[in-house]
N, C-alpha and C. Protein backbone atom coordinates (compact mmCIF):
# COMPACT_ATOMS: atom_id res chain seq x y z
N UNK A 1 -28.15 35.45 -2.79
CA UNK A 1 -27.10 35.57 -3.77
C UNK A 1 -26.15 36.69 -3.39
N UNK A 2 -24.94 36.58 -3.88
CA UNK A 2 -23.94 37.61 -3.62
C UNK A 2 -24.13 38.75 -4.60
N UNK A 3 -23.96 39.93 -4.13
CA UNK A 3 -24.01 41.08 -5.01
C UNK A 3 -22.74 41.88 -4.79
N UNK A 4 -21.84 41.77 -5.75
CA UNK A 4 -20.58 42.49 -5.68
C UNK A 4 -20.52 43.41 -6.89
N UNK A 5 -20.23 44.64 -6.64
CA UNK A 5 -20.13 45.62 -7.72
C UNK A 5 -18.69 46.11 -7.78
N UNK A 6 -18.19 46.25 -9.00
CA UNK A 6 -16.79 46.61 -9.19
C UNK A 6 -16.52 48.10 -9.03
N UNK A 7 -17.44 48.91 -9.40
CA UNK A 7 -17.16 50.35 -9.39
C UNK A 7 -18.05 51.06 -8.39
N UNK A 8 -17.54 52.16 -7.88
CA UNK A 8 -18.31 52.97 -6.95
C UNK A 8 -19.28 53.89 -7.68
N UNK A 9 -18.99 54.18 -8.91
CA UNK A 9 -19.86 55.10 -9.67
C UNK A 9 -20.94 54.30 -10.36
N UNK A 10 -21.97 53.97 -9.65
CA UNK A 10 -23.10 53.21 -10.19
C UNK A 10 -24.10 54.21 -10.75
N UNK A 11 -24.29 54.19 -12.10
CA UNK A 11 -25.20 55.19 -12.67
C UNK A 11 -26.62 55.04 -12.17
N UNK A 12 -27.06 53.80 -12.02
CA UNK A 12 -28.42 53.58 -11.56
C UNK A 12 -28.47 52.26 -10.82
N UNK A 13 -29.06 52.19 -9.66
CA UNK A 13 -29.11 50.93 -8.93
C UNK A 13 -29.95 49.88 -9.65
N UNK A 14 -30.86 50.27 -10.49
CA UNK A 14 -31.72 49.32 -11.19
C UNK A 14 -31.08 48.77 -12.45
N UNK A 15 -30.05 49.42 -12.97
CA UNK A 15 -29.41 48.98 -14.21
C UNK A 15 -27.91 48.82 -13.98
N UNK A 16 -27.46 47.59 -13.58
CA UNK A 16 -26.03 47.40 -13.36
C UNK A 16 -25.27 47.42 -14.69
N UNK A 17 -23.99 47.74 -14.62
CA UNK A 17 -23.18 47.77 -15.84
C UNK A 17 -22.90 46.35 -16.31
N UNK A 18 -22.27 46.23 -17.48
CA UNK A 18 -21.98 44.92 -18.07
C UNK A 18 -20.96 44.17 -17.22
N UNK A 19 -19.95 44.86 -16.69
CA UNK A 19 -18.95 44.22 -15.84
C UNK A 19 -19.59 43.66 -14.57
N UNK A 20 -20.47 44.40 -14.00
CA UNK A 20 -21.15 43.96 -12.78
C UNK A 20 -22.02 42.75 -13.07
N UNK A 21 -22.66 42.72 -14.21
CA UNK A 21 -23.51 41.60 -14.59
C UNK A 21 -22.68 40.33 -14.78
N UNK A 22 -21.51 40.45 -15.46
CA UNK A 22 -20.65 39.29 -15.70
C UNK A 22 -20.09 38.74 -14.38
N UNK A 23 -19.69 39.62 -13.49
CA UNK A 23 -19.18 39.19 -12.20
C UNK A 23 -20.26 38.48 -11.39
N UNK A 24 -21.44 39.04 -11.40
CA UNK A 24 -22.56 38.44 -10.68
C UNK A 24 -22.93 37.08 -11.27
N UNK A 25 -22.92 36.94 -12.58
CA UNK A 25 -23.28 35.66 -13.21
C UNK A 25 -22.20 34.61 -12.97
N UNK A 26 -20.92 35.02 -12.88
CA UNK A 26 -19.87 34.04 -12.60
C UNK A 26 -20.00 33.50 -11.17
N UNK A 27 -20.39 34.37 -10.21
CA UNK A 27 -20.63 33.89 -8.85
C UNK A 27 -21.83 32.96 -8.81
N UNK A 28 -22.84 33.22 -9.59
CA UNK A 28 -24.01 32.35 -9.63
C UNK A 28 -23.63 30.98 -10.17
N UNK A 29 -22.78 30.96 -11.21
CA UNK A 29 -22.34 29.69 -11.79
C UNK A 29 -21.52 28.89 -10.77
N UNK A 30 -20.61 29.54 -10.06
CA UNK A 30 -19.80 28.84 -9.06
C UNK A 30 -20.66 28.32 -7.91
N UNK A 31 -21.68 29.07 -7.52
CA UNK A 31 -22.60 28.59 -6.49
C UNK A 31 -23.34 27.35 -6.96
N UNK A 32 -23.71 27.33 -8.24
CA UNK A 32 -24.41 26.18 -8.81
C UNK A 32 -23.49 24.96 -8.84
N UNK A 33 -22.25 25.15 -9.27
CA UNK A 33 -21.28 24.04 -9.30
C UNK A 33 -21.03 23.52 -7.89
N UNK A 34 -20.86 24.42 -6.94
CA UNK A 34 -20.62 24.03 -5.55
C UNK A 34 -21.80 23.25 -4.98
N UNK A 35 -23.01 23.70 -5.25
CA UNK A 35 -24.20 23.00 -4.76
C UNK A 35 -24.30 21.61 -5.39
N UNK A 36 -24.00 21.51 -6.68
CA UNK A 36 -24.03 20.22 -7.38
C UNK A 36 -23.02 19.25 -6.76
N UNK A 37 -21.79 19.73 -6.53
CA UNK A 37 -20.76 18.85 -5.97
C UNK A 37 -21.06 18.48 -4.52
N UNK A 38 -21.67 19.37 -3.77
CA UNK A 38 -22.03 19.05 -2.38
C UNK A 38 -23.05 17.92 -2.32
N UNK A 39 -23.85 17.78 -3.34
CA UNK A 39 -24.83 16.70 -3.39
C UNK A 39 -24.24 15.45 -4.04
N UNK A 40 -23.58 15.63 -5.18
CA UNK A 40 -23.14 14.50 -6.00
C UNK A 40 -21.89 13.80 -5.44
N UNK A 41 -20.91 14.54 -4.96
CA UNK A 41 -19.64 13.94 -4.54
C UNK A 41 -19.79 12.94 -3.39
N UNK A 42 -20.53 13.24 -2.32
CA UNK A 42 -20.67 12.23 -1.25
C UNK A 42 -21.41 10.97 -1.71
N UNK A 43 -22.41 11.14 -2.56
CA UNK A 43 -23.15 9.98 -3.06
C UNK A 43 -22.24 9.12 -3.92
N UNK A 44 -21.48 9.76 -4.81
CA UNK A 44 -20.55 9.03 -5.68
C UNK A 44 -19.49 8.31 -4.85
N UNK A 45 -18.94 8.98 -3.85
CA UNK A 45 -17.90 8.38 -3.01
C UNK A 45 -18.44 7.18 -2.24
N UNK A 46 -19.59 7.31 -1.63
CA UNK A 46 -20.17 6.21 -0.86
C UNK A 46 -20.53 5.03 -1.77
N UNK A 47 -21.10 5.32 -2.92
CA UNK A 47 -21.47 4.26 -3.86
C UNK A 47 -20.22 3.52 -4.33
N UNK A 48 -19.19 4.26 -4.68
CA UNK A 48 -17.96 3.63 -5.14
C UNK A 48 -17.36 2.76 -4.04
N UNK A 49 -17.36 3.25 -2.81
CA UNK A 49 -16.82 2.48 -1.69
C UNK A 49 -17.59 1.18 -1.50
N UNK A 50 -18.91 1.25 -1.48
CA UNK A 50 -19.71 0.05 -1.22
C UNK A 50 -19.74 -0.91 -2.40
N UNK A 51 -19.42 -0.43 -3.60
CA UNK A 51 -19.38 -1.32 -4.76
C UNK A 51 -18.03 -2.03 -4.85
N UNK A 52 -16.93 -1.30 -4.61
CA UNK A 52 -15.60 -1.87 -4.84
C UNK A 52 -14.94 -2.46 -3.61
N UNK A 53 -15.29 -2.04 -2.41
CA UNK A 53 -14.60 -2.54 -1.22
C UNK A 53 -14.92 -4.00 -0.90
N UNK A 54 -16.17 -4.46 -0.95
CA UNK A 54 -16.43 -5.89 -0.66
C UNK A 54 -15.72 -6.86 -1.61
N UNK A 55 -15.72 -6.62 -2.94
CA UNK A 55 -14.94 -7.54 -3.78
C UNK A 55 -13.44 -7.49 -3.49
N UNK A 56 -12.94 -6.31 -3.14
CA UNK A 56 -11.53 -6.19 -2.79
C UNK A 56 -11.21 -7.03 -1.55
N UNK A 57 -12.04 -6.93 -0.52
CA UNK A 57 -11.83 -7.74 0.69
C UNK A 57 -11.91 -9.23 0.39
N UNK A 58 -12.85 -9.61 -0.45
CA UNK A 58 -12.99 -11.02 -0.83
C UNK A 58 -11.73 -11.50 -1.55
N UNK A 59 -11.25 -10.70 -2.50
CA UNK A 59 -10.04 -11.06 -3.23
C UNK A 59 -8.84 -11.19 -2.30
N UNK A 60 -8.67 -10.23 -1.38
CA UNK A 60 -7.53 -10.27 -0.47
C UNK A 60 -7.62 -11.49 0.46
N UNK A 61 -8.81 -11.84 0.91
CA UNK A 61 -8.97 -13.01 1.78
C UNK A 61 -8.65 -14.30 1.03
N UNK A 62 -9.17 -14.43 -0.18
CA UNK A 62 -8.88 -15.62 -0.98
C UNK A 62 -7.39 -15.71 -1.30
N UNK A 63 -6.78 -14.58 -1.60
CA UNK A 63 -5.35 -14.56 -1.90
C UNK A 63 -4.53 -15.00 -0.68
N UNK A 64 -4.93 -14.55 0.51
CA UNK A 64 -4.24 -14.94 1.74
C UNK A 64 -4.35 -16.45 1.95
N UNK A 65 -5.56 -17.00 1.83
CA UNK A 65 -5.74 -18.44 2.05
C UNK A 65 -5.03 -19.26 0.97
N UNK A 66 -5.06 -18.79 -0.26
CA UNK A 66 -4.40 -19.51 -1.36
C UNK A 66 -2.90 -19.59 -1.10
N UNK A 67 -2.29 -18.47 -0.71
CA UNK A 67 -0.85 -18.46 -0.47
C UNK A 67 -0.47 -19.26 0.78
N UNK A 68 -1.36 -19.32 1.76
CA UNK A 68 -1.02 -20.09 2.96
C UNK A 68 -1.15 -21.60 2.70
N UNK A 69 -2.05 -21.99 1.80
CA UNK A 69 -2.21 -23.41 1.48
C UNK A 69 -1.13 -23.88 0.51
N UNK A 70 -0.92 -23.10 -0.55
CA UNK A 70 0.06 -23.46 -1.58
C UNK A 70 1.27 -22.53 -1.45
N UNK A 71 2.19 -22.91 -0.58
CA UNK A 71 3.36 -22.06 -0.36
C UNK A 71 4.34 -22.21 -1.52
N UNK A 72 5.24 -21.25 -1.63
CA UNK A 72 6.21 -21.24 -2.72
C UNK A 72 7.18 -22.41 -2.59
N UNK A 73 7.51 -23.03 -3.70
CA UNK A 73 8.45 -24.14 -3.71
C UNK A 73 9.86 -23.57 -3.80
N UNK A 74 10.63 -23.71 -2.73
CA UNK A 74 11.99 -23.17 -2.70
C UNK A 74 13.04 -24.27 -2.77
N UNK A 75 12.64 -25.51 -3.01
CA UNK A 75 13.60 -26.61 -3.06
C UNK A 75 14.59 -26.37 -4.20
N UNK A 76 15.87 -26.41 -3.86
CA UNK A 76 16.92 -26.22 -4.85
C UNK A 76 17.24 -24.77 -5.17
N UNK A 77 16.54 -23.84 -4.57
CA UNK A 77 16.80 -22.41 -4.81
C UNK A 77 17.73 -21.88 -3.72
N UNK A 78 18.48 -20.85 -4.06
CA UNK A 78 19.42 -20.25 -3.11
C UNK A 78 18.71 -19.17 -2.32
N UNK A 79 18.83 -19.24 -1.00
CA UNK A 79 18.23 -18.25 -0.10
C UNK A 79 19.36 -17.65 0.73
N UNK A 80 19.46 -16.32 0.72
CA UNK A 80 20.48 -15.61 1.49
C UNK A 80 19.80 -15.01 2.72
N UNK A 81 20.33 -15.32 3.90
CA UNK A 81 19.74 -14.83 5.15
C UNK A 81 20.83 -14.11 5.95
N UNK A 82 20.57 -12.86 6.27
CA UNK A 82 21.50 -12.09 7.10
C UNK A 82 21.03 -12.14 8.55
N UNK A 83 21.97 -12.20 9.46
CA UNK A 83 21.63 -12.25 10.89
C UNK A 83 21.10 -13.59 11.31
N UNK A 84 21.69 -14.66 10.76
CA UNK A 84 21.15 -16.00 10.98
C UNK A 84 21.75 -16.72 12.17
N UNK A 85 22.59 -16.07 12.96
CA UNK A 85 23.22 -16.78 14.07
C UNK A 85 22.30 -16.94 15.27
N UNK A 86 21.23 -16.14 15.34
CA UNK A 86 20.30 -16.27 16.46
C UNK A 86 18.98 -15.61 16.11
N UNK A 87 17.99 -15.88 16.94
CA UNK A 87 16.70 -15.19 16.81
C UNK A 87 15.92 -15.58 15.56
N UNK A 88 15.29 -14.58 14.98
CA UNK A 88 14.43 -14.83 13.82
C UNK A 88 15.22 -15.36 12.63
N UNK A 89 16.41 -14.82 12.40
CA UNK A 89 17.22 -15.29 11.27
C UNK A 89 17.55 -16.77 11.38
N UNK A 90 17.82 -17.22 12.60
CA UNK A 90 18.11 -18.63 12.83
C UNK A 90 16.91 -19.50 12.47
N UNK A 91 15.74 -19.11 12.93
CA UNK A 91 14.55 -19.92 12.68
C UNK A 91 14.10 -19.84 11.22
N UNK A 92 14.34 -18.72 10.57
CA UNK A 92 14.05 -18.63 9.14
C UNK A 92 14.96 -19.59 8.38
N UNK A 93 16.23 -19.68 8.79
CA UNK A 93 17.15 -20.62 8.16
C UNK A 93 16.66 -22.06 8.32
N UNK A 94 16.16 -22.40 9.50
CA UNK A 94 15.65 -23.76 9.72
C UNK A 94 14.43 -24.03 8.84
N UNK A 95 13.53 -23.08 8.74
CA UNK A 95 12.32 -23.28 7.93
C UNK A 95 12.65 -23.46 6.46
N UNK A 96 13.54 -22.62 5.93
CA UNK A 96 13.94 -22.79 4.53
C UNK A 96 14.73 -24.08 4.35
N UNK A 97 15.50 -24.47 5.36
CA UNK A 97 16.22 -25.74 5.29
C UNK A 97 15.26 -26.92 5.21
N UNK A 98 14.17 -26.88 5.98
CA UNK A 98 13.16 -27.95 5.93
C UNK A 98 12.53 -28.05 4.55
N UNK A 99 12.44 -26.93 3.84
CA UNK A 99 11.83 -26.92 2.50
C UNK A 99 12.83 -27.27 1.40
N UNK A 100 14.09 -27.52 1.75
CA UNK A 100 15.07 -27.96 0.78
C UNK A 100 15.80 -26.85 0.05
N UNK A 101 15.85 -25.66 0.62
CA UNK A 101 16.54 -24.55 -0.02
C UNK A 101 18.04 -24.62 0.27
N UNK A 102 18.83 -24.13 -0.68
CA UNK A 102 20.26 -23.98 -0.47
C UNK A 102 20.48 -22.67 0.29
N UNK A 103 21.15 -22.73 1.42
CA UNK A 103 21.25 -21.57 2.30
C UNK A 103 22.63 -20.94 2.27
N UNK A 104 22.64 -19.63 2.19
CA UNK A 104 23.84 -18.83 2.43
C UNK A 104 23.47 -17.95 3.61
N UNK A 105 24.08 -18.23 4.76
CA UNK A 105 23.69 -17.51 5.98
C UNK A 105 24.86 -16.66 6.45
N UNK A 106 24.52 -15.46 6.89
CA UNK A 106 25.56 -14.53 7.33
C UNK A 106 25.25 -13.97 8.69
N UNK A 107 26.32 -13.69 9.45
CA UNK A 107 26.19 -13.07 10.78
C UNK A 107 27.58 -12.66 11.24
N UNK A 108 27.66 -12.02 12.40
CA UNK A 108 28.95 -11.60 12.95
C UNK A 108 29.61 -12.69 13.78
N UNK A 109 28.80 -13.51 14.44
CA UNK A 109 29.36 -14.55 15.33
C UNK A 109 29.56 -15.84 14.54
N UNK A 110 30.81 -16.16 14.27
CA UNK A 110 31.13 -17.30 13.40
C UNK A 110 30.79 -18.64 14.04
N UNK A 111 31.04 -18.81 15.33
CA UNK A 111 30.78 -20.10 16.00
C UNK A 111 29.29 -20.41 15.99
N UNK A 112 28.47 -19.43 16.36
CA UNK A 112 27.02 -19.65 16.37
C UNK A 112 26.50 -19.89 14.95
N UNK A 113 27.12 -19.23 13.98
CA UNK A 113 26.69 -19.39 12.59
C UNK A 113 26.99 -20.80 12.08
N UNK A 114 28.13 -21.35 12.47
CA UNK A 114 28.45 -22.72 12.05
C UNK A 114 27.46 -23.72 12.66
N UNK A 115 27.06 -23.49 13.91
CA UNK A 115 26.07 -24.37 14.54
C UNK A 115 24.73 -24.30 13.81
N UNK A 116 24.32 -23.12 13.42
CA UNK A 116 23.06 -22.96 12.68
C UNK A 116 23.17 -23.64 11.33
N UNK A 117 24.31 -23.53 10.65
CA UNK A 117 24.50 -24.18 9.35
C UNK A 117 24.42 -25.70 9.49
N UNK A 118 25.03 -26.25 10.54
CA UNK A 118 24.97 -27.70 10.76
C UNK A 118 23.53 -28.15 11.04
N UNK A 119 22.83 -27.40 11.87
CA UNK A 119 21.44 -27.75 12.20
C UNK A 119 20.55 -27.65 10.96
N UNK A 120 20.75 -26.63 10.14
CA UNK A 120 19.96 -26.48 8.91
C UNK A 120 20.22 -27.64 7.96
N UNK A 121 21.47 -28.10 7.91
CA UNK A 121 21.80 -29.25 7.08
C UNK A 121 21.10 -30.50 7.59
N UNK A 122 21.02 -30.64 8.92
CA UNK A 122 20.38 -31.82 9.51
C UNK A 122 18.87 -31.83 9.29
N UNK A 123 18.24 -30.65 9.22
CA UNK A 123 16.78 -30.62 9.04
C UNK A 123 16.38 -30.76 7.58
N UNK A 124 17.36 -30.74 6.64
CA UNK A 124 16.99 -31.02 5.26
C UNK A 124 17.57 -30.11 4.19
N UNK A 125 18.35 -29.14 4.54
CA UNK A 125 18.94 -28.27 3.52
C UNK A 125 20.07 -29.01 2.82
N UNK A 126 20.11 -29.02 1.48
CA UNK A 126 21.20 -29.71 0.77
C UNK A 126 22.56 -29.08 1.06
N UNK A 127 22.58 -27.77 1.29
CA UNK A 127 23.83 -27.09 1.61
C UNK A 127 23.52 -25.84 2.42
N UNK A 128 24.35 -25.58 3.41
CA UNK A 128 24.22 -24.37 4.21
C UNK A 128 25.62 -23.78 4.36
N UNK A 129 25.86 -22.67 3.73
CA UNK A 129 27.18 -22.05 3.71
C UNK A 129 27.21 -20.87 4.67
N UNK A 130 28.00 -20.95 5.74
CA UNK A 130 28.09 -19.81 6.66
C UNK A 130 29.09 -18.77 6.16
N UNK A 131 28.73 -17.51 6.27
CA UNK A 131 29.60 -16.40 5.89
C UNK A 131 29.64 -15.41 7.04
N UNK A 132 30.72 -15.47 7.83
CA UNK A 132 30.84 -14.56 8.97
C UNK A 132 31.42 -13.24 8.49
N UNK A 133 30.95 -12.16 9.08
CA UNK A 133 31.41 -10.82 8.70
C UNK A 133 32.74 -10.52 9.33
């Protein structure tokens, strides 16, 4: 145990003053709390992890499979795509066009954007409106 005394004038080593007793008892209490938490906190943390993490993983897996099987119905909804003249934006426009979405596509290159709009219309989009910057 720690023994800390506040004053240098100790009347008797066998009889500490009231201040010294209170200080010593507060350190004993903190040592007790620290020992309790050193034992209890890791057990509580591990138990909580092993109880809640497996159901969470199960839920996330089921949610992933559910959303991949039953995709969102975008037929007749307006989808705005920026950067649709090439690359990922172009292919996203085609995919939404196949699902029947109304497309508003934007990009800097007007000629390439018109070609993407025509192709999206051919794959099934009711309307594909190009907006060049």
